[in-house]
Structures are given as structure tokens and as C-alpha cells.
Amino acid sequence: WNHAASDFQMITNEQGNTDIDYSIARRPVVDTFLSNCWRYDQDSSPNGGRFDLLAGSDVQLFDTRQIPGPVLMIGGSLDPLLYFDAIQESFAQLPLRDESRLVILEGASHILMLEEDFHQEFQNEVIDFLE
């Protein structure tokens, strides 16, 4: 489940090792997330227990033209796994894109919904979209 740790923003500690930046995400939240990734994904991702839209800048895992309702896509500008051109293309293919939203939170990374500086903004975007 170490593959899921890289979803968080990382820092280099005093010993020169890379670790999760716990000033951005709280340790209990990180531990719970990593435990769940191991349980659901095991050693496989994408689309183990989670369901990913893209597996690369040119590998779309499902056809967004087949989604019958409005969609909220949220990503972080620092997400190393977010392929901005591909996301915009996938968004443009949505049948109800006029009722859908694509939101990129500046400074957030892959696990923005768990990061201290962004979890509230993420939650607000979801609630606003659902209302």
C-alpha cells in the first residue's frame, strides 16, 4: 500500500528521506486512508477498489460521454497524477457539461479532500454542486 502514500504531498526530512508532509494532512487521516487503499486496492490501481478516470495522459478508463447526469470533477494544481489536458478533454465530452463543473484548487495535490488547507474548500464545492 506504499503506492498510495505518494498521493500525499511529500517533503524531504533532515535525514534526506522522503515522507508525507504531516503539516498538510493529519497523521490519523493519512493512516486511515492508507489502510483503506491497501484493503480495497491491494497492489492494483487504477480501478482496484477506487475508480479512476484516467490511467495516463492518453489512457481514459471509461467513456465520459456515457455519463447520463451532471458531474463534478475536482483536482489539485499540484497533483502529479492529474493530466490537465486529458481532464479538460474528458470534461468537454460530458453530455451535460453545461450542468457539470471542473474545479482545480490552486496549491492542492492528489488527496486534496484530506489536506488541511483544502478539505473545507473541497467539501464546499461538493455541497454547492449538490444543492
Protein backbone atom coordinates (compact mmCIF):
# COMPACT_ATOMS: atom_id res chain seq x y z
CA TRP A 1 0.00 0.00 0.00
CA ASN A 2 3.02 2.28 -0.19
CA HIS A 3 1.86 3.26 -3.69
CA ALA A 4 -0.96 5.23 -2.07
CA ALA A 5 1.42 7.23 0.15
CA SER A 6 2.67 9.13 -2.88
CA ASP A 7 -0.85 10.52 -3.31
CA PHE A 8 0.00 12.96 -0.50
CA GLN A 9 2.29 15.98 -0.73
CA MET A 10 5.77 14.87 0.24
CA ILE A 11 8.73 16.53 1.96
CA THR A 12 12.37 15.57 2.41
CA ASN A 13 13.22 15.21 6.09
CA GLU A 14 16.51 16.06 7.81
CA GLN A 15 17.92 12.62 7.05
CA GLY A 16 17.25 13.09 3.34
CA ASN A 17 14.32 10.64 3.29
CA THR A 18 11.04 11.44 1.58
CA ASP A 19 7.97 11.32 3.78
CA ILE A 20 4.37 12.54 3.83
CA ASP A 21 4.07 16.20 4.77
CA TYR A 22 2.14 15.85 8.03
CA SER A 23 1.82 19.63 8.34
CA ILE A 24 -0.71 19.41 5.49
CA ALA A 25 -2.55 16.18 6.35
CA ARG A 26 -3.12 14.85 9.86
CA ARG A 27 -1.49 11.51 10.71
CA PRO A 28 -4.75 9.70 11.72
CA VAL A 29 -6.36 10.75 8.43
CA VAL A 30 -3.32 9.57 6.46
CA ASP A 31 -3.20 6.26 8.34
CA THR A 32 -6.90 5.60 7.72
CA PHE A 33 -6.59 6.46 4.03
CA LEU A 34 -3.56 4.23 3.52
CA SER A 35 -5.19 1.37 5.38
CA ASN A 36 -8.28 1.61 3.18
CA CYS A 37 -6.20 1.78 0.00
CA TRP A 38 -4.45 -1.42 0.97
CA ARG A 39 -7.75 -3.13 1.78
CA TYR A 40 -9.54 -2.11 -1.43
CA ASP A 41 -6.75 -1.74 -3.98
CA GLN A 42 -4.25 -4.29 -2.63
CA ASP A 43 -1.42 -3.95 -5.12
CA SER A 44 -3.60 -2.88 -8.01
CA SER A 45 -4.66 0.54 -9.05
CA PRO A 46 -6.20 2.09 -11.05
CA ASN A 47 -9.68 0.73 -10.67
CA GLY A 48 -8.95 -1.72 -7.91
CA GLY A 49 -11.27 -0.53 -5.13
CA ARG A 50 -11.21 3.09 -6.26
CA PHE A 51 -12.46 4.13 -9.65
CA ASP A 52 -10.08 6.31 -11.62
CA LEU A 53 -10.96 8.32 -14.72
CA LEU A 54 -7.51 8.24 -16.30
CA ALA A 55 -4.52 5.90 -16.17
CA GLY A 56 -2.24 8.31 -18.02
CA SER A 57 -2.40 11.38 -20.18
CA ASP A 58 -3.72 9.30 -23.07
CA VAL A 59 -5.49 6.39 -21.32
CA GLN A 60 -9.10 7.13 -20.44
CA LEU A 61 -10.52 4.27 -18.33
CA PHE A 62 -14.17 4.95 -19.10
CA ASP A 63 -16.04 6.98 -21.66
CA THR A 64 -17.35 10.18 -20.09
CA ARG A 65 -19.80 10.52 -23.00
CA GLN A 66 -21.74 7.68 -21.34
CA ILE A 67 -22.35 9.52 -18.04
CA PRO A 68 -26.05 10.46 -18.06
CA GLY A 69 -26.01 13.12 -15.32
CA PRO A 70 -24.14 16.23 -14.19
CA VAL A 71 -20.58 15.65 -12.97
CA LEU A 72 -18.30 17.47 -10.54
CA MET A 73 -14.59 16.97 -11.31
CA ILE A 74 -12.25 18.38 -8.65
CA GLY A 75 -8.48 18.30 -8.80
CA GLY A 76 -5.44 19.98 -7.32
CA SER A 77 -2.99 22.09 -9.29
CA LEU A 78 -0.06 20.23 -7.65
CA ASP A 79 -1.45 16.77 -8.33
CA PRO A 80 1.31 14.83 -10.13
CA LEU A 81 -1.29 12.31 -11.33
CA LEU A 82 -3.68 14.87 -12.83
CA TYR A 83 -3.32 15.23 -16.57
CA PHE A 84 -4.88 18.65 -17.13
CA ASP A 85 -5.33 18.38 -20.90
CA ALA A 86 -6.90 14.92 -20.59
CA ILE A 87 -9.20 16.04 -17.76
CA GLN A 88 -10.37 19.02 -19.80
CA GLU A 89 -10.98 16.76 -22.80
CA SER A 90 -12.92 14.27 -20.65
CA PHE A 91 -14.95 17.12 -19.18
CA ALA A 92 -15.72 18.51 -22.65
CA GLN A 93 -17.17 15.10 -23.64
CA LEU A 94 -19.77 15.09 -20.85
CA PRO A 95 -23.30 15.12 -22.27
CA LEU A 96 -24.43 17.51 -19.51
CA ARG A 97 -21.25 19.62 -19.29
CA ASP A 98 -23.33 22.82 -19.00
CA GLU A 99 -24.68 21.43 -15.72
CA SER A 100 -21.29 20.00 -14.70
CA ARG A 101 -18.24 21.63 -13.13
CA LEU A 102 -14.49 21.25 -13.42
CA VAL A 103 -12.69 22.78 -10.42
CA ILE A 104 -8.91 22.95 -9.97
CA LEU A 105 -7.85 24.05 -6.49
CA GLU A 106 -4.62 26.03 -6.63
CA GLY A 107 -1.91 24.54 -4.39
CA ALA A 108 -3.74 21.29 -3.65
CA SER A 109 -2.40 17.86 -4.54
CA HIS A 110 -3.89 14.43 -5.24
CA ILE A 111 -5.53 13.94 -1.84
CA LEU A 112 -6.91 17.46 -1.58
CA MET A 113 -10.02 16.32 0.29
CA LEU A 114 -7.77 15.27 3.19
CA GLU A 115 -5.32 18.19 3.17
CA GLU A 116 -5.70 20.74 5.98
CA ASP A 117 -5.69 23.76 3.67
CA PHE A 118 -8.14 22.30 1.15
CA HIS A 119 -10.58 19.86 2.77
CA GLN A 120 -13.07 22.62 3.62
CA GLU A 121 -12.93 24.11 0.12
CA PHE A 122 -13.35 20.62 -1.35
CA GLN A 123 -16.34 19.99 0.90
CA ASN A 124 -17.87 23.37 0.00
CA GLU A 125 -17.52 22.66 -3.74
CA VAL A 126 -19.25 19.28 -3.32
CA ILE A 127 -22.09 20.72 -1.23
CA ASP A 128 -22.56 23.67 -3.59
CA PHE A 129 -22.68 21.31 -6.58
CA LEU A 130 -25.24 19.02 -4.93
CA GLU A 131 -27.51 21.90 -3.96
